[in-house]
């Protein structure tokens, strides 16, 4: 074998086989080497945080106040935090108005004699426009406060209702991605693949998936950039997405992964970003889903188990709980898989 041929045989699969405990050399000692490498497989590096999560990114130079973008904060916060904010805000607002009523000792009449509690519960009734009738404002100052508080109550109810409706009506997808990306030999060529499943019983129409490789690169001028390299897929659209969908990228000469070793990927801080978009046939709105895969999520020498079964009556069963389950490839496929050399 010439030096050029040997160089061409080296690629992303062969270079990373050792890292994943898979022997990548042909010959009579292949099975023995594979057994030894499985025993000496190094532990997987700790999982990196997804860049889609707010806690994985530190932003500086911005205004720290939540009030700068309060609507977006309330719309994207969790339901538990949202209700906690509403309840605490409601109590604080009534406490403020109760304190204002106490500024005038004769502001209210018909109370129980406990001034603070009378003022607080009168504020609650006024803000909620309940009006039981036993307690009434007595002075002009109290009537002015009642007018202002009634306005605040109407505005607060409208805003809380609008935010709750916006959170409820926000279109969401229930797409589950496999936790790992596999690189295996498929149809005679090394292929990167992962799969997705629709957790709802409806259809996502005209679904489109886009996969990109994210790399750190340095320009000739020394400027460091984070660049996206699109990965060409065997199929990136489907008319209907109702069960599962396995996405394939063939690592050929045109692939950004061609000719790259594990060291190259580690130096470039490589990761894979997946985005899915389609039309929800129930809501008739566009839904999105996304997934982030770090370098340590790439697994070699494995293939996915089938998660769809068909019974005697022709009914298909989708077992989404097994979407991450894999099985070992035949040894001959593991040892013969090679990525194509990078095109010159």
Protein backbone atom coordinates (compact mmCIF):
# COMPACT_ATOMS: atom_id res chain seq x y z
CA UNK A 1 0.00 0.00 0.00
CA UNK A 2 1.42 3.38 -0.98
CA UNK A 3 1.66 6.30 1.41
CA UNK A 4 -1.13 8.09 -0.49
CA UNK A 5 -3.45 5.11 -0.23
CA UNK A 6 -2.73 4.79 3.48
CA UNK A 7 -3.50 8.46 3.97
CA UNK A 8 -6.77 8.12 2.10
CA UNK A 9 -7.85 5.23 4.29
CA UNK A 10 -7.61 7.38 7.37
CA UNK A 11 -10.82 9.28 8.15
CA UNK A 12 -13.18 10.15 10.86
CA UNK A 13 -14.29 6.57 11.48
CA UNK A 14 -10.89 4.96 11.61
CA UNK A 15 -9.36 7.82 13.56
CA UNK A 16 -11.99 7.71 16.27
CA UNK A 17 -12.24 3.91 16.53
CA UNK A 18 -9.54 3.76 19.20
CA UNK A 19 -11.31 6.44 21.23
CA UNK A 20 -14.51 4.37 21.18
CA UNK A 21 -12.86 1.03 21.98
CA UNK A 22 -13.13 -0.39 18.43
CA UNK A 23 -10.17 -1.87 16.62
CA UNK A 24 -9.88 -0.36 13.14
CA UNK A 25 -7.30 -2.65 11.54
CA UNK A 26 -7.96 -5.57 9.25
CA UNK A 27 -6.05 -8.81 9.74
CA UNK A 28 -6.07 -12.07 11.67
CA UNK A 29 -5.68 -10.30 15.03
CA UNK A 30 -8.63 -7.95 14.53
CA UNK A 31 -11.01 -9.73 16.93
CA UNK A 32 -8.32 -10.05 19.60
CA UNK A 33 -7.44 -6.36 19.30
CA UNK A 34 -11.10 -5.45 19.48
CA UNK A 35 -11.56 -7.44 22.71
CA UNK A 36 -8.52 -5.75 24.29
CA UNK A 37 -9.69 -2.29 23.25
CA UNK A 38 -13.13 -2.90 24.75
CA UNK A 39 -11.49 -3.62 28.11
CA UNK A 40 -9.35 -0.50 27.87
CA UNK A 41 -12.03 1.90 26.62
CA UNK A 42 -11.47 5.25 28.36
CA UNK A 43 -14.40 6.82 30.22
CA UNK A 44 -16.56 9.19 28.22
CA UNK A 45 -15.85 12.88 28.88
CA UNK A 46 -18.43 14.79 30.94
CA UNK A 47 -21.44 15.99 28.98
CA UNK A 48 -21.23 19.56 27.73
CA UNK A 49 -24.15 21.87 28.30
CA UNK A 50 -26.41 22.54 25.35
CA UNK A 51 -26.03 26.05 23.90
CA UNK A 52 -29.83 26.16 23.61
CA UNK A 53 -30.16 26.36 27.38
CA UNK A 54 -29.87 29.82 28.94
CA UNK A 55 -27.65 28.56 31.75
CA UNK A 56 -25.00 27.38 29.28
CA UNK A 57 -24.28 30.90 28.01
CA UNK A 58 -22.94 33.80 30.05
CA UNK A 59 -23.87 37.21 28.64
CA UNK A 60 -22.14 40.37 29.82
CA UNK A 61 -22.61 44.01 28.97
CA UNK A 62 -26.41 43.76 29.13
CA UNK A 63 -28.92 45.42 31.37
CA UNK A 64 -29.54 43.04 34.25
CA UNK A 65 -33.08 44.20 35.04
CA UNK A 66 -35.86 41.77 34.18
CA UNK A 67 -38.06 44.80 33.49
CA UNK A 68 -36.02 45.47 30.33
CA UNK A 69 -37.84 42.57 28.65
CA UNK A 70 -40.57 41.63 31.11
CA UNK A 71 -43.03 40.26 28.55
CA UNK A 72 -40.52 37.82 27.07
CA UNK A 73 -39.42 36.77 30.55
CA UNK A 74 -42.99 36.01 31.66
CA UNK A 75 -43.79 34.28 28.38
CA UNK A 76 -40.79 31.95 28.51
CA UNK A 77 -40.60 31.28 32.24
CA UNK A 78 -41.96 28.07 33.73
CA UNK A 79 -45.58 27.79 34.79
CA UNK A 80 -44.66 27.40 38.46
CA UNK A 81 -42.56 30.57 38.40
CA UNK A 82 -45.25 32.41 36.45
CA UNK A 83 -47.97 31.60 39.02
CA UNK A 84 -45.59 32.42 41.88
CA UNK A 85 -44.93 35.85 40.33
CA UNK A 86 -48.66 36.49 39.85
CA UNK A 87 -49.53 35.47 43.42
CA UNK A 88 -46.69 37.43 45.02
CA UNK A 89 -47.47 40.47 42.86
CA UNK A 90 -51.15 40.29 43.79
CA UNK A 91 -50.40 40.15 47.52
CA UNK A 92 -47.83 42.94 47.35
CA UNK A 93 -50.21 45.21 45.43
CA UNK A 94 -52.92 44.72 48.02
CA UNK A 95 -50.45 45.36 50.83
CA UNK A 96 -49.46 48.66 49.19
CA UNK A 97 -53.06 49.83 48.89
CA UNK A 98 -53.83 48.63 52.42
CA UNK A 99 -50.98 50.81 53.71
CA UNK A 100 -52.38 53.76 51.75
CA UNK A 101 -55.82 53.28 53.30
CA UNK A 102 -54.24 53.28 56.75
CA UNK A 103 -52.84 56.77 56.12
CA UNK A 104 -56.36 58.10 56.75
CA UNK A 105 -57.74 56.71 60.05
CA UNK A 106 -61.35 57.35 59.00
CA UNK A 107 -61.06 56.19 55.41
CA UNK A 108 -63.22 53.08 55.84
CA UNK A 109 -66.39 52.31 57.73
CA UNK A 110 -68.10 49.06 58.63
CA UNK A 111 -64.95 47.21 59.59
CA UNK A 112 -64.26 44.66 62.35
CA UNK A 113 -61.97 46.91 64.37
CA UNK A 114 -58.69 45.42 63.11
CA UNK A 115 -57.52 48.29 60.95
CA UNK A 116 -54.80 46.51 59.01
CA UNK A 117 -56.86 43.42 58.17
CA UNK A 118 -59.87 45.58 57.37
CA UNK A 119 -57.80 47.69 54.99
CA UNK A 120 -56.13 44.65 53.38
CA UNK A 121 -59.33 42.70 52.72
CA UNK A 122 -61.12 45.83 51.57
CA UNK A 123 -58.30 46.26 49.04
CA UNK A 124 -58.77 42.66 47.88
CA UNK A 125 -62.50 43.20 47.38
CA UNK A 126 -61.93 46.45 45.53
CA UNK A 127 -59.22 45.09 43.23
CA UNK A 128 -61.32 42.03 42.41
CA UNK A 129 -64.53 44.17 42.16
CA UNK A 130 -66.26 41.81 44.61
CA UNK A 131 -68.07 44.49 46.66
CA UNK A 132 -69.80 42.63 49.49
CA UNK A 133 -71.17 45.94 50.79
CA UNK A 134 -70.29 45.81 54.50
CA UNK A 135 -67.21 47.99 54.16
CA UNK A 136 -67.33 51.21 52.17
CA UNK A 137 -64.98 54.15 51.58
CA UNK A 138 -65.93 57.07 53.81
CA UNK A 139 -63.66 59.96 52.86
CA UNK A 140 -62.71 61.59 49.58
CA UNK A 141 -59.17 60.27 49.95
CA UNK A 142 -60.50 56.72 50.27
CA UNK A 143 -62.72 57.12 47.20
CA UNK A 144 -59.76 58.32 45.13
CA UNK A 145 -57.76 55.26 46.21
CA UNK A 146 -60.71 53.01 45.33
CA UNK A 147 -60.83 54.53 41.83
CA UNK A 148 -57.10 54.05 41.28
CA UNK A 149 -57.13 50.52 42.68
CA UNK A 150 -60.11 49.48 40.56
CA UNK A 151 -58.19 50.62 37.47
CA UNK A 152 -55.10 48.66 38.57
CA UNK A 153 -57.29 45.62 39.17
CA UNK A 154 -58.77 45.75 35.67
CA UNK A 155 -55.35 46.21 34.05
CA UNK A 156 -53.78 43.46 36.14
CA UNK A 157 -56.55 41.01 35.29
CA UNK A 158 -56.28 41.81 31.59
CA UNK A 159 -52.50 41.42 31.58
CA UNK A 160 -52.53 38.15 33.55
CA UNK A 161 -55.24 36.74 31.29
CA UNK A 162 -53.35 37.75 28.16
CA UNK A 163 -50.09 36.23 29.38
CA UNK A 164 -51.78 32.97 30.38
CA UNK A 165 -53.50 32.72 27.00
CA UNK A 166 -50.22 33.48 25.19
CA UNK A 167 -48.42 30.76 27.16
CA UNK A 168 -51.20 28.24 26.55
CA UNK A 169 -51.51 29.01 22.84
CA UNK A 170 -47.77 29.08 22.12
CA UNK A 171 -47.18 26.34 19.52
CA UNK A 172 -44.86 23.62 20.70
CA UNK A 173 -43.66 20.35 19.26
CA UNK A 174 -43.26 17.07 21.07
CA UNK A 175 -40.40 15.62 19.05
CA UNK A 176 -38.00 13.32 20.82
CA UNK A 177 -34.45 12.98 19.52
CA UNK A 178 -32.12 10.08 20.12
CA UNK A 179 -29.48 10.91 22.72
CA UNK A 180 -26.68 9.72 20.47
CA UNK A 181 -25.45 10.17 16.94
CA UNK A 182 -24.19 6.97 15.36
CA UNK A 183 -21.54 6.57 12.69
CA UNK A 184 -21.85 3.22 11.00
CA UNK A 185 -21.37 1.55 7.65
CA UNK A 186 -24.53 1.77 5.58
CA UNK A 187 -24.89 0.74 1.94
CA UNK A 188 -21.13 0.42 1.76
CA UNK A 189 -20.32 3.94 2.98
CA UNK A 190 -19.68 5.44 6.44
CA UNK A 191 -22.80 7.30 7.47
CA UNK A 192 -23.71 9.62 10.30
CA UNK A 193 -27.26 9.13 11.53
CA UNK A 194 -29.69 9.88 14.35
CA UNK A 195 -33.43 9.48 14.68
CA UNK A 196 -36.45 11.40 15.86
CA UNK A 197 -39.96 10.40 16.94
CA UNK A 198 -43.21 12.36 17.12
CA UNK A 199 -44.56 11.91 20.65
CA UNK A 200 -47.99 13.18 19.69
CA UNK A 201 -50.64 11.22 17.81
CA UNK A 202 -50.95 13.87 15.12
CA UNK A 203 -48.91 14.64 12.00
CA UNK A 204 -46.25 17.26 11.34
CA UNK A 205 -46.78 18.19 7.71
CA UNK A 206 -44.02 19.21 5.29
CA UNK A 207 -41.39 18.59 7.95
CA UNK A 208 -37.91 19.88 7.17
CA UNK A 209 -34.72 19.02 9.05
CA UNK A 210 -31.43 20.87 8.89
CA UNK A 211 -28.17 19.55 10.33
CA UNK A 212 -25.02 21.63 10.74
CA UNK A 213 -21.54 20.96 12.04
CA UNK A 214 -20.28 23.71 14.35
CA UNK A 215 -16.51 24.26 14.36
CA UNK A 216 -13.97 26.70 15.75
CA UNK A 217 -11.84 28.03 12.90
CA UNK A 218 -9.10 30.62 12.59
CA UNK A 219 -8.77 32.84 9.53
CA UNK A 220 -5.48 33.64 7.82
CA UNK A 221 -5.53 36.98 9.66
CA UNK A 222 -5.68 35.18 13.01
CA UNK A 223 -9.32 35.94 13.72
CA UNK A 224 -11.09 33.15 15.58
CA UNK A 225 -14.60 32.37 14.38
CA UNK A 226 -17.31 29.85 15.16
CA UNK A 227 -18.44 28.53 11.77
CA UNK A 228 -21.34 26.37 10.67
CA UNK A 229 -20.84 23.69 8.03
CA UNK A 230 -24.05 22.28 6.57
CA UNK A 231 -24.28 18.51 6.40
CA UNK A 232 -25.98 17.30 3.23
CA UNK A 233 -28.67 14.77 4.08
CA UNK A 234 -29.99 11.82 2.11
CA UNK A 235 -33.49 13.20 2.75
CA UNK A 236 -34.15 16.50 4.52
CA UNK A 237 -37.94 16.73 3.98
CA UNK A 238 -40.91 14.44 4.46
CA UNK A 239 -44.57 15.06 3.56
CA UNK A 240 -45.79 13.74 6.92
CA UNK A 241 -43.92 13.06 10.15
CA UNK A 242 -46.13 10.98 12.40
CA UNK A 243 -44.00 8.11 13.67
CA UNK A 244 -40.21 8.09 13.55
CA UNK A 245 -37.64 9.52 11.17
CA UNK A 246 -34.01 8.43 10.81
CA UNK A 247 -31.79 11.13 9.33
CA UNK A 248 -28.71 10.12 7.30
CA UNK A 249 -25.59 12.00 6.27
CA UNK A 250 -23.14 10.08 4.06
CA UNK A 251 -19.52 10.89 4.90
CA UNK A 252 -18.17 11.15 1.36
CA UNK A 253 -15.54 13.34 -0.25
CA UNK A 254 -17.83 16.38 -0.11
CA UNK A 255 -18.69 15.98 3.58
CA UNK A 256 -17.21 18.48 6.07
CA UNK A 257 -16.34 15.43 8.19
CA UNK A 258 -14.23 13.82 5.49
CA UNK A 259 -10.62 13.30 6.47
CA UNK A 260 -11.06 14.65 10.00
CA UNK A 261 -9.68 12.76 12.95
CA UNK A 262 -10.83 12.77 16.55
CA UNK A 263 -7.99 15.18 17.40
CA UNK A 264 -9.15 17.52 14.64
CA UNK A 265 -12.71 17.51 15.95
CA UNK A 266 -11.55 18.08 19.52
CA UNK A 267 -9.28 20.99 18.51
CA UNK A 268 -12.14 22.59 16.61
CA UNK A 269 -14.58 22.04 19.50
CA UNK A 270 -16.93 20.25 17.11
CA UNK A 271 -20.63 19.82 17.80
CA UNK A 272 -23.75 19.07 15.77
CA UNK A 273 -26.90 21.19 15.73
CA UNK A 274 -30.22 19.84 14.47
CA UNK A 275 -33.31 21.92 13.76
CA UNK A 276 -36.72 20.65 12.68
CA UNK A 277 -39.62 22.70 11.34
CA UNK A 278 -43.05 21.70 10.13
CA UNK A 279 -46.77 22.42 10.17
CA UNK A 280 -48.82 20.96 13.02
CA UNK A 281 -51.95 19.53 11.41
CA UNK A 282 -53.98 20.02 14.61
CA UNK A 283 -53.12 23.65 15.33
CA UNK A 284 -52.33 24.63 11.72
CA UNK A 285 -49.28 26.49 13.01
CA UNK A 286 -45.56 26.11 12.41
CA UNK A 287 -43.74 24.19 15.13
CA UNK A 288 -40.03 23.91 15.79
CA UNK A 289 -37.74 21.44 17.52
CA UNK A 290 -33.99 21.42 17.99
CA UNK A 291 -31.25 19.25 19.40
CA UNK A 292 -27.59 19.70 20.26
CA UNK A 293 -25.03 16.90 20.05
CA UNK A 294 -21.56 17.28 21.53
CA UNK A 295 -18.56 15.34 20.25
CA UNK A 296 -18.89 12.82 23.08
CA UNK A 297 -22.43 12.00 21.89
CA UNK A 298 -21.03 10.36 18.73
CA UNK A 299 -20.98 6.57 19.03
CA UNK A 300 -19.24 4.13 16.68
CA UNK A 301 -19.79 0.46 15.97
CA UNK A 302 -23.47 0.57 16.96
CA UNK A 303 -26.76 0.65 15.12
CA UNK A 304 -30.26 1.52 16.29
CA UNK A 305 -32.74 -1.17 17.23
CA UNK A 306 -36.06 -1.15 15.43
CA UNK A 307 -38.76 0.68 17.38
CA UNK A 308 -41.67 -0.02 15.01
CA UNK A 309 -43.41 -3.39 14.98
CA UNK A 310 -46.38 -4.59 12.94
CA UNK A 311 -48.82 -7.12 14.39
CA UNK A 312 -50.84 -9.75 12.53
CA UNK A 313 -53.63 -7.25 11.86
CA UNK A 314 -51.25 -4.78 10.25
CA UNK A 315 -51.30 -2.29 13.14
CA UNK A 316 -48.02 -0.46 13.63
CA UNK A 317 -46.69 0.03 17.16
CA UNK A 318 -44.13 2.75 17.86
CA UNK A 319 -42.12 2.19 21.05
CA UNK A 320 -40.64 5.63 21.69
CA UNK A 321 -39.11 4.42 24.95
CA UNK A 322 -36.59 2.44 22.89
CA UNK A 323 -35.49 5.32 20.67
CA UNK A 324 -32.02 5.36 22.30
CA UNK A 325 -31.46 1.61 22.26
CA UNK A 326 -28.64 0.35 20.05
CA UNK A 327 -26.94 -2.91 19.25
CA UNK A 328 -23.43 -3.77 18.11
CA UNK A 329 -22.66 -3.89 14.42
CA UNK A 330 -21.15 -7.06 12.97
CA UNK A 331 -17.35 -7.01 13.46
CA UNK A 332 -16.70 -7.03 9.73
CA UNK A 333 -18.69 -3.81 9.34
CA UNK A 334 -16.91 -2.15 12.25
CA UNK A 335 -13.43 -2.93 10.96
CA UNK A 336 -14.07 -2.14 7.30
CA UNK A 337 -15.82 1.22 7.68
CA UNK A 338 -13.71 4.10 6.41
CA UNK A 339 -14.53 7.71 5.72
CA UNK A 340 -13.81 9.09 2.30
CA UNK A 341 -10.75 11.33 1.94
CA UNK A 342 -11.31 15.03 1.65
CA UNK A 343 -11.68 16.21 -1.91
CA UNK A 344 -8.74 18.29 -3.11
